[in-house]
Amino acid sequence: MAVNGVGILAAIIIGGFAGWLAERFMNSDVGLFMNIALGIIGAVVSNIILAAFGMAFSGWLAYLVFGFIGACLLIAVGRAVKR
């Protein structure tokens, strides 16, 4: 089973790294498991947004970039909801 051209284990590792990068970029402190979740869910959210515009991505580098972007969006939405 693959997620956007990467395996499940690779998606967890890359998603964790993307979430960690987003955590550092957004000055947030959410922990390891939340970083992994933010990175993976962020990549899925980014994929849905891109699919709406007729674009798609695959591969580990694209998964990292869009996981980072999606995780930053999720952190920003979470902050907006808290206020």
N, C-alpha and C. Protein backbone atom coordinates (compact mmCIF):
# COMPACT_ATOMS: atom_id res chain seq x y z
N MET A 1 0.85 -1.17 0.00
CA MET A 1 0.00 0.00 0.00
C MET A 1 0.89 1.24 0.00
N ALA A 2 0.55 2.22 -0.79
CA ALA A 2 1.36 3.42 -0.91
C ALA A 2 0.49 4.66 -0.68
N VAL A 3 1.13 5.70 -0.22
CA VAL A 3 0.47 6.97 0.02
C VAL A 3 1.18 8.00 -0.85
N ASN A 4 0.51 8.46 -1.91
CA ASN A 4 1.08 9.47 -2.83
C ASN A 4 2.46 9.08 -3.34
N GLY A 5 2.65 7.83 -3.67
CA GLY A 5 3.90 7.39 -4.26
C GLY A 5 4.96 7.00 -3.26
N VAL A 6 4.70 7.06 -1.97
CA VAL A 6 5.65 6.62 -0.95
C VAL A 6 4.97 5.54 -0.11
N GLY A 7 5.74 4.66 0.49
CA GLY A 7 5.18 3.61 1.32
C GLY A 7 4.67 4.16 2.64
N ILE A 8 3.98 3.31 3.37
CA ILE A 8 3.40 3.72 4.65
C ILE A 8 4.48 4.13 5.64
N LEU A 9 5.54 3.33 5.75
CA LEU A 9 6.63 3.66 6.67
C LEU A 9 7.31 4.97 6.27
N ALA A 10 7.54 5.13 4.98
CA ALA A 10 8.15 6.37 4.49
C ALA A 10 7.22 7.56 4.73
N ALA A 11 5.91 7.36 4.59
CA ALA A 11 4.96 8.44 4.84
C ALA A 11 5.00 8.87 6.30
N ILE A 12 5.17 7.91 7.22
CA ILE A 12 5.26 8.25 8.64
C ILE A 12 6.54 9.03 8.91
N ILE A 13 7.66 8.57 8.36
CA ILE A 13 8.94 9.25 8.59
C ILE A 13 8.95 10.63 7.96
N ILE A 14 8.54 10.72 6.69
CA ILE A 14 8.53 12.01 6.00
C ILE A 14 7.49 12.94 6.63
N GLY A 15 6.33 12.39 7.00
CA GLY A 15 5.31 13.20 7.65
C GLY A 15 5.78 13.75 8.98
N GLY A 16 6.51 12.93 9.74
CA GLY A 16 7.08 13.40 11.00
C GLY A 16 8.07 14.53 10.80
N PHE A 17 8.91 14.39 9.77
CA PHE A 17 9.89 15.44 9.47
C PHE A 17 9.19 16.71 8.99
N ALA A 18 8.18 16.55 8.14
CA ALA A 18 7.42 17.72 7.66
C ALA A 18 6.71 18.41 8.82
N GLY A 19 6.14 17.63 9.72
CA GLY A 19 5.48 18.22 10.90
C GLY A 19 6.46 18.92 11.81
N TRP A 20 7.66 18.33 11.97
CA TRP A 20 8.69 18.95 12.80
C TRP A 20 9.14 20.27 12.19
N LEU A 21 9.34 20.29 10.85
CA LEU A 21 9.72 21.54 10.19
C LEU A 21 8.64 22.60 10.36
N ALA A 22 7.38 22.19 10.22
CA ALA A 22 6.28 23.14 10.40
C ALA A 22 6.21 23.64 11.83
N GLU A 23 6.47 22.74 12.79
CA GLU A 23 6.48 23.13 14.20
C GLU A 23 7.54 24.20 14.45
N ARG A 24 8.71 24.01 13.91
CA ARG A 24 9.80 24.99 14.08
C ARG A 24 9.48 26.30 13.37
N PHE A 25 8.93 26.21 12.16
CA PHE A 25 8.62 27.39 11.37
C PHE A 25 7.52 28.22 12.01
N MET A 26 6.52 27.55 12.58
CA MET A 26 5.37 28.24 13.16
C MET A 26 5.54 28.51 14.65
N ASN A 27 6.70 28.18 15.24
CA ASN A 27 6.97 28.36 16.67
C ASN A 27 5.88 27.73 17.53
N SER A 28 5.66 26.47 17.28
CA SER A 28 4.66 25.70 18.01
C SER A 28 5.36 24.59 18.76
N ASP A 29 4.76 24.06 19.80
CA ASP A 29 5.34 22.95 20.55
C ASP A 29 4.25 21.91 20.77
N VAL A 30 4.19 20.94 19.86
CA VAL A 30 3.09 19.98 19.91
C VAL A 30 3.53 18.55 20.20
N GLY A 31 4.79 18.21 20.07
CA GLY A 31 5.27 16.87 20.38
C GLY A 31 5.44 15.99 19.15
N LEU A 32 6.09 14.86 19.34
CA LEU A 32 6.48 13.96 18.25
C LEU A 32 5.27 13.38 17.52
N PHE A 33 4.32 12.80 18.25
CA PHE A 33 3.19 12.16 17.61
C PHE A 33 2.31 13.16 16.87
N MET A 34 2.16 14.34 17.42
CA MET A 34 1.38 15.37 16.74
C MET A 34 2.12 15.86 15.49
N ASN A 35 3.46 15.92 15.55
CA ASN A 35 4.24 16.28 14.37
C ASN A 35 3.98 15.30 13.24
N ILE A 36 4.01 14.01 13.56
CA ILE A 36 3.77 12.98 12.55
C ILE A 36 2.36 13.14 11.98
N ALA A 37 1.39 13.31 12.87
CA ALA A 37 0.00 13.46 12.42
C ALA A 37 -0.17 14.71 11.56
N LEU A 38 0.41 15.82 12.00
CA LEU A 38 0.30 17.07 11.23
C LEU A 38 0.92 16.94 9.86
N GLY A 39 2.08 16.28 9.78
CA GLY A 39 2.75 16.11 8.49
C GLY A 39 1.95 15.24 7.54
N ILE A 40 1.43 14.11 8.04
CA ILE A 40 0.67 13.20 7.18
C ILE A 40 -0.68 13.82 6.79
N ILE A 41 -1.40 14.33 7.78
CA ILE A 41 -2.70 14.95 7.49
C ILE A 41 -2.51 16.20 6.63
N GLY A 42 -1.44 16.94 6.89
CA GLY A 42 -1.15 18.11 6.07
C GLY A 42 -0.91 17.76 4.62
N ALA A 43 -0.20 16.66 4.38
CA ALA A 43 0.03 16.22 3.01
C ALA A 43 -1.27 15.79 2.34
N VAL A 44 -2.13 15.13 3.09
CA VAL A 44 -3.43 14.72 2.54
C VAL A 44 -4.29 15.94 2.23
N VAL A 45 -4.31 16.91 3.14
CA VAL A 45 -5.09 18.14 2.92
C VAL A 45 -4.55 18.89 1.70
N SER A 46 -3.24 19.00 1.59
CA SER A 46 -2.64 19.67 0.44
C SER A 46 -2.99 18.93 -0.85
N ASN A 47 -2.99 17.60 -0.81
CA ASN A 47 -3.34 16.81 -1.98
C ASN A 47 -4.78 17.05 -2.39
N ILE A 48 -5.69 17.16 -1.42
CA ILE A 48 -7.09 17.43 -1.73
C ILE A 48 -7.25 18.81 -2.35
N ILE A 49 -6.55 19.80 -1.80
CA ILE A 49 -6.62 21.16 -2.34
C ILE A 49 -6.08 21.20 -3.76
N LEU A 50 -4.93 20.54 -3.99
CA LEU A 50 -4.36 20.51 -5.33
C LEU A 50 -5.25 19.75 -6.30
N ALA A 51 -5.88 18.66 -5.84
CA ALA A 51 -6.77 17.88 -6.71
C ALA A 51 -7.96 18.73 -7.15
N ALA A 52 -8.41 19.63 -6.28
CA ALA A 52 -9.51 20.51 -6.65
C ALA A 52 -9.13 21.43 -7.80
N PHE A 53 -7.85 21.72 -7.93
CA PHE A 53 -7.36 22.56 -9.02
C PHE A 53 -6.80 21.74 -10.18
N GLY A 54 -7.00 20.42 -10.13
CA GLY A 54 -6.56 19.56 -11.22
C GLY A 54 -5.09 19.19 -11.18
N MET A 55 -4.43 19.35 -10.05
CA MET A 55 -3.02 19.00 -9.93
C MET A 55 -2.88 17.86 -8.92
N ALA A 56 -1.76 17.16 -8.99
CA ALA A 56 -1.49 16.08 -8.04
C ALA A 56 0.02 15.99 -7.83
N PHE A 57 0.42 15.28 -6.80
CA PHE A 57 1.85 15.10 -6.55
C PHE A 57 2.11 13.68 -6.13
N SER A 58 3.34 13.25 -6.31
CA SER A 58 3.77 11.94 -5.82
C SER A 58 5.27 11.99 -5.61
N GLY A 59 5.77 11.10 -4.79
CA GLY A 59 7.19 11.06 -4.49
C GLY A 59 7.49 11.67 -3.13
N TRP A 60 8.65 11.30 -2.59
CA TRP A 60 8.96 11.70 -1.22
C TRP A 60 9.24 13.18 -1.08
N LEU A 61 9.87 13.82 -2.07
CA LEU A 61 10.17 15.25 -1.96
C LEU A 61 8.88 16.08 -2.01
N ALA A 62 7.99 15.73 -2.92
CA ALA A 62 6.71 16.44 -3.00
C ALA A 62 5.90 16.19 -1.73
N TYR A 63 5.96 14.96 -1.20
CA TYR A 63 5.24 14.64 0.04
C TYR A 63 5.78 15.49 1.18
N LEU A 64 7.09 15.69 1.24
CA LEU A 64 7.69 16.52 2.28
C LEU A 64 7.26 17.97 2.14
N VAL A 65 7.34 18.52 0.94
CA VAL A 65 6.99 19.93 0.72
C VAL A 65 5.53 20.19 1.02
N PHE A 66 4.65 19.35 0.47
CA PHE A 66 3.23 19.59 0.68
C PHE A 66 2.78 19.18 2.07
N GLY A 67 3.49 18.24 2.69
CA GLY A 67 3.22 17.93 4.10
C GLY A 67 3.56 19.12 4.98
N PHE A 68 4.68 19.79 4.68
CA PHE A 68 5.08 20.99 5.43
C PHE A 68 4.05 22.10 5.26
N ILE A 69 3.65 22.34 4.02
CA ILE A 69 2.67 23.40 3.76
C ILE A 69 1.34 23.09 4.43
N GLY A 70 0.89 21.85 4.30
CA GLY A 70 -0.37 21.46 4.93
C GLY A 70 -0.31 21.52 6.44
N ALA A 71 0.82 21.10 7.03
CA ALA A 71 0.97 21.16 8.48
C ALA A 71 0.97 22.60 8.97
N CYS A 72 1.61 23.50 8.24
CA CYS A 72 1.57 24.92 8.61
C CYS A 72 0.14 25.46 8.56
N LEU A 73 -0.61 25.04 7.54
CA LEU A 73 -2.01 25.46 7.45
C LEU A 73 -2.81 24.93 8.64
N LEU A 74 -2.59 23.68 9.00
CA LEU A 74 -3.32 23.09 10.13
C LEU A 74 -2.96 23.77 11.45
N ILE A 75 -1.70 24.12 11.64
CA ILE A 75 -1.29 24.83 12.85
C ILE A 75 -1.96 26.21 12.90
N ALA A 76 -1.98 26.90 11.75
CA ALA A 76 -2.61 28.22 11.70
C ALA A 76 -4.11 28.13 11.97
N VAL A 77 -4.77 27.11 11.43
CA VAL A 77 -6.20 26.93 11.68
C VAL A 77 -6.44 26.60 13.15
N GLY A 78 -5.59 25.78 13.72
CA GLY A 78 -5.71 25.43 15.14
C GLY A 78 -5.54 26.64 16.03
N ARG A 79 -4.62 27.50 15.67
CA ARG A 79 -4.43 28.74 16.46
C ARG A 79 -5.64 29.65 16.33
N ALA A 80 -6.21 29.75 15.12
CA ALA A 80 -7.36 30.60 14.91
C ALA A 80 -8.58 30.09 15.69
N VAL A 81 -8.73 28.78 15.77
CA VAL A 81 -9.86 28.21 16.49
C VAL A 81 -9.71 28.42 17.99
N LYS A 82 -8.48 28.35 18.50
CA LYS A 82 -8.25 28.54 19.93
C LYS A 82 -8.63 29.94 20.40
N ARG A 83 -8.49 30.91 19.53
CA ARG A 83 -8.76 32.30 19.90
C ARG A 83 -10.21 32.52 19.82
